[in-house]
Amino acid sequence: MSVTISAANGAGSTSPLTILSPWETTWSARNVIHDLIGGGIAVSLVAPRPRSGELTLLYDTETDAFAAAALHREETTFTLTETETPSVSMSYVVDGTGIRVALDEQTLLVWTVTVGYQEVIP
């Protein structure tokens, strides 16, 4: 994977080694289901939210990992560009679980940055 994440406010960009697997995303449903007095239901159809989830980014140095975390603390939107798997590319804001930095427990050599995201439509 060739990944670049850029801040819309000009604060900079980061290029992790990869986005770790499993990568998955969710589209939350927003349909409203109404119980009817006489029984049955009525449904108000609403388009799902844009995708959301968590990205786990891999870095080979502590400095790069903490710089990526600092970038994601900016009050801005971010553009993720993935050249090998374009369906991963998106504009997003930090959401949900926020931002976590961790030293990989197995190797003790690489660092991960996990970012909760909510896609936004530019």
C-alpha atoms as a PDB file:
ATOM      1  CA  MET A   1       0.000   0.000   0.000  1.00  0.00           C
ATOM      2  CA  SER A   2       1.144   3.526  -0.754  1.00  0.00           C
ATOM      3  CA  VAL A   3      -0.584   5.795   1.760  1.00  0.00           C
ATOM      4  CA  THR A   4      -0.508   9.563   2.286  1.00  0.00           C
ATOM      5  CA  ILE A   5      -2.659  11.452   4.778  1.00  0.00           C
ATOM      6  CA  SER A   6      -2.831  15.244   4.422  1.00  0.00           C
ATOM      7  CA  ALA A   7      -4.385  17.835   6.740  1.00  0.00           C
ATOM      8  CA  ALA A   8      -6.740  20.263   4.980  1.00  0.00           C
ATOM      9  CA  ASN A   9      -5.546  23.189   7.134  1.00  0.00           C
ATOM     10  CA  GLY A  10      -1.980  22.915   5.769  1.00  0.00           C
ATOM     11  CA  ALA A  11      -0.563  21.488   9.014  1.00  0.00           C
ATOM     12  CA  GLY A  12       1.282  18.802   7.069  1.00  0.00           C
ATOM     13  CA  SER A  13       1.032  15.207   5.978  1.00  0.00           C
ATOM     14  CA  THR A  14       2.125  11.741   7.028  1.00  0.00           C
ATOM     15  CA  SER A  15       3.024   8.624   5.060  1.00  0.00           C
ATOM     16  CA  PRO A  16       2.722   5.456   7.128  1.00  0.00           C
ATOM     17  CA  LEU A  17       4.391   2.278   5.914  1.00  0.00           C
ATOM     18  CA  THR A  18       0.911   0.772   5.513  1.00  0.00           C
ATOM     19  CA  ILE A  19      -2.607   0.570   6.917  1.00  0.00           C
ATOM     20  CA  LEU A  20      -2.702  -2.619   8.972  1.00  0.00           C
ATOM     21  CA  SER A  21      -5.186  -5.408   8.330  1.00  0.00           C
ATOM     22  CA  PRO A  22      -7.860  -6.172   8.957  1.00  0.00           C
ATOM     23  CA  TRP A  23      -9.083  -2.900   7.497  1.00  0.00           C
ATOM     24  CA  GLU A  24     -12.842  -2.615   7.629  1.00  0.00           C
ATOM     25  CA  THR A  25     -15.395   0.143   7.433  1.00  0.00           C
ATOM     26  CA  THR A  26     -19.050   0.578   8.392  1.00  0.00           C
ATOM     27  CA  TRP A  27     -21.991   2.471   6.898  1.00  0.00           C
ATOM     28  CA  SER A  28     -24.438   3.109   9.763  1.00  0.00           C
ATOM     29  CA  ALA A  29     -28.115   2.859   8.836  1.00  0.00           C
ATOM     30  CA  ARG A  30     -30.358   5.817   9.670  1.00  0.00           C
ATOM     31  CA  ASN A  31     -33.786   4.448   8.713  1.00  0.00           C
ATOM     32  CA  VAL A  32     -36.480   5.240  11.276  1.00  0.00           C
ATOM     33  CA  ILE A  33     -38.974   2.497  12.121  1.00  0.00           C
ATOM     34  CA  HIS A  34     -42.299   3.587  13.643  1.00  0.00           C
ATOM     35  CA  ASP A  35     -44.628   1.233  15.519  1.00  0.00           C
ATOM     36  CA  LEU A  36     -48.238   1.783  14.430  1.00  0.00           C
ATOM     37  CA  ILE A  37     -51.049   1.856  17.000  1.00  0.00           C
ATOM     38  CA  GLY A  38     -53.051  -0.810  15.174  1.00  0.00           C
ATOM     39  CA  GLY A  39     -50.018  -3.046  14.755  1.00  0.00           C
ATOM     40  CA  GLY A  40     -47.419  -3.204  12.051  1.00  0.00           C
ATOM     41  CA  ILE A  41     -44.774  -0.633  11.266  1.00  0.00           C
ATOM     42  CA  ALA A  42     -44.102   2.350   9.063  1.00  0.00           C
ATOM     43  CA  VAL A  43     -40.603   3.068   7.832  1.00  0.00           C
ATOM     44  CA  SER A  44     -38.954   6.419   7.045  1.00  0.00           C
ATOM     45  CA  LEU A  45     -36.073   5.688   4.665  1.00  0.00           C
ATOM     46  CA  VAL A  46     -32.916   7.738   5.211  1.00  0.00           C
ATOM     47  CA  ALA A  47     -29.596   7.282   3.411  1.00  0.00           C
ATOM     48  CA  PRO A  48     -26.858   5.693   5.549  1.00  0.00           C
ATOM     49  CA  ARG A  49     -24.104   7.799   7.090  1.00  0.00           C
ATOM     50  CA  PRO A  50     -20.800   7.932   5.214  1.00  0.00           C
ATOM     51  CA  ARG A  51     -18.414   5.197   6.303  1.00  0.00           C
ATOM     52  CA  SER A  52     -16.695   5.159   9.684  1.00  0.00           C
ATOM     53  CA  GLY A  53     -14.325   2.942  11.643  1.00  0.00           C
ATOM     54  CA  GLU A  54     -10.703   2.838  12.761  1.00  0.00           C
ATOM     55  CA  LEU A  55      -7.460   3.109  10.793  1.00  0.00           C
ATOM     56  CA  THR A  56      -4.360   1.474  12.233  1.00  0.00           C
ATOM     57  CA  LEU A  57      -1.274   3.032  10.676  1.00  0.00           C
ATOM     58  CA  LEU A  58       2.200   1.457  10.857  1.00  0.00           C
ATOM     59  CA  TYR A  59       5.383   3.518  11.376  1.00  0.00           C
ATOM     60  CA  ASP A  60       8.999   2.404  11.680  1.00  0.00           C
ATOM     61  CA  THR A  61       9.999   5.087  14.191  1.00  0.00           C
ATOM     62  CA  GLU A  62       8.577   6.504  17.401  1.00  0.00           C
ATOM     63  CA  THR A  63       9.158  10.027  16.065  1.00  0.00           C
ATOM     64  CA  ASP A  64       7.024   9.398  12.963  1.00  0.00           C
ATOM     65  CA  ALA A  65       4.255   7.766  15.019  1.00  0.00           C
ATOM     66  CA  PHE A  66       4.009  10.659  17.474  1.00  0.00           C
ATOM     67  CA  ALA A  67       4.146  13.175  14.605  1.00  0.00           C
ATOM     68  CA  ALA A  68       1.182  11.375  12.988  1.00  0.00           C
ATOM     69  CA  ALA A  69      -0.717  11.494  16.286  1.00  0.00           C
ATOM     70  CA  ALA A  70       0.033  15.225  16.621  1.00  0.00           C
ATOM     71  CA  LEU A  71      -1.170  15.816  13.056  1.00  0.00           C
ATOM     72  CA  HIS A  72      -4.451  14.028  13.837  1.00  0.00           C
ATOM     73  CA  ARG A  73      -4.991  16.286  16.873  1.00  0.00           C
ATOM     74  CA  GLU A  74      -5.378  19.260  14.512  1.00  0.00           C
ATOM     75  CA  GLU A  75      -8.887  20.721  14.192  1.00  0.00           C
ATOM     76  CA  THR A  76      -9.293  19.939  10.511  1.00  0.00           C
ATOM     77  CA  THR A  77     -10.354  17.349   7.965  1.00  0.00           C
ATOM     78  CA  PHE A  78      -7.894  14.876   6.479  1.00  0.00           C
ATOM     79  CA  THR A  79      -7.497  13.371   3.023  1.00  0.00           C
ATOM     80  CA  LEU A  80      -6.310   9.782   2.853  1.00  0.00           C
ATOM     81  CA  THR A  81      -4.903   8.794  -0.540  1.00  0.00           C
ATOM     82  CA  GLU A  82      -4.194   5.105  -1.171  1.00  0.00           C
ATOM     83  CA  THR A  83      -2.799   4.496  -4.664  1.00  0.00           C
ATOM     84  CA  GLU A  84      -2.849   0.681  -4.711  1.00  0.00           C
ATOM     85  CA  THR A  85      -6.347   0.272  -3.249  1.00  0.00           C
ATOM     86  CA  PRO A  86      -8.253   3.435  -4.262  1.00  0.00           C
ATOM     87  CA  SER A  87     -11.462   2.360  -2.459  1.00  0.00           C
ATOM     88  CA  VAL A  88      -9.687   3.093   0.855  1.00  0.00           C
ATOM     89  CA  SER A  89      -9.106   6.754  -0.127  1.00  0.00           C
ATOM     90  CA  MET A  90     -11.401   9.312   1.542  1.00  0.00           C
ATOM     91  CA  SER A  91     -11.778  12.616   3.375  1.00  0.00           C
ATOM     92  CA  TYR A  92     -12.397  12.183   7.110  1.00  0.00           C
ATOM     93  CA  VAL A  93     -12.425  13.720  10.575  1.00  0.00           C
ATOM     94  CA  VAL A  94     -11.200  12.114  13.791  1.00  0.00           C
ATOM     95  CA  ASP A  95     -14.098  10.503  15.637  1.00  0.00           C
ATOM     96  CA  GLY A  96     -15.087   7.673  17.939  1.00  0.00           C
ATOM     97  CA  THR A  97     -12.183   6.183  19.831  1.00  0.00           C
ATOM     98  CA  GLY A  98      -9.891   9.125  19.037  1.00  0.00           C
ATOM     99  CA  ILE A  99      -6.135   8.596  18.618  1.00  0.00           C
ATOM    100  CA  ARG A 100      -3.907   5.900  20.155  1.00  0.00           C
ATOM    101  CA  VAL A 101      -0.143   5.340  19.811  1.00  0.00           C
ATOM    102  CA  ALA A 102       1.421   1.981  20.694  1.00  0.00           C
ATOM    103  CA  LEU A 103       4.717   0.146  20.414  1.00  0.00           C
ATOM    104  CA  ASP A 104       4.162  -3.161  18.583  1.00  0.00           C
ATOM    105  CA  GLU A 105       4.227  -5.878  21.256  1.00  0.00           C
ATOM    106  CA  GLN A 106       5.593  -8.600  18.983  1.00  0.00           C
ATOM    107  CA  THR A 107       8.567  -6.837  17.419  1.00  0.00           C
ATOM    108  CA  LEU A 108       9.198  -3.964  19.858  1.00  0.00           C
ATOM    109  CA  LEU A 109      10.552  -2.168  16.770  1.00  0.00           C
ATOM    110  CA  VAL A 110       7.588  -0.615  14.961  1.00  0.00           C
ATOM    111  CA  TRP A 111       4.835   1.724  16.150  1.00  0.00           C
ATOM    112  CA  THR A 112       1.122   1.858  15.444  1.00  0.00           C
ATOM    113  CA  VAL A 113      -1.200   4.858  15.432  1.00  0.00           C
ATOM    114  CA  THR A 114      -4.908   4.023  15.573  1.00  0.00           C
ATOM    115  CA  VAL A 115      -7.356   6.737  14.545  1.00  0.00           C
ATOM    116  CA  GLY A 116     -11.142   6.578  14.837  1.00  0.00           C
ATOM    117  CA  TYR A 117     -12.627   8.219  11.724  1.00  0.00           C
ATOM    118  CA  GLN A 118     -15.867   9.481  10.238  1.00  0.00           C
ATOM    119  CA  GLU A 119     -15.799  10.001   6.483  1.00  0.00           C
ATOM    120  CA  VAL A 120     -16.972  13.416   5.312  1.00  0.00           C
ATOM    121  CA  ILE A 121     -18.079  14.304   1.818  1.00  0.00           C
ATOM    122  CA  PRO A 122     -15.871  17.170   0.564  1.00  0.00           C
END
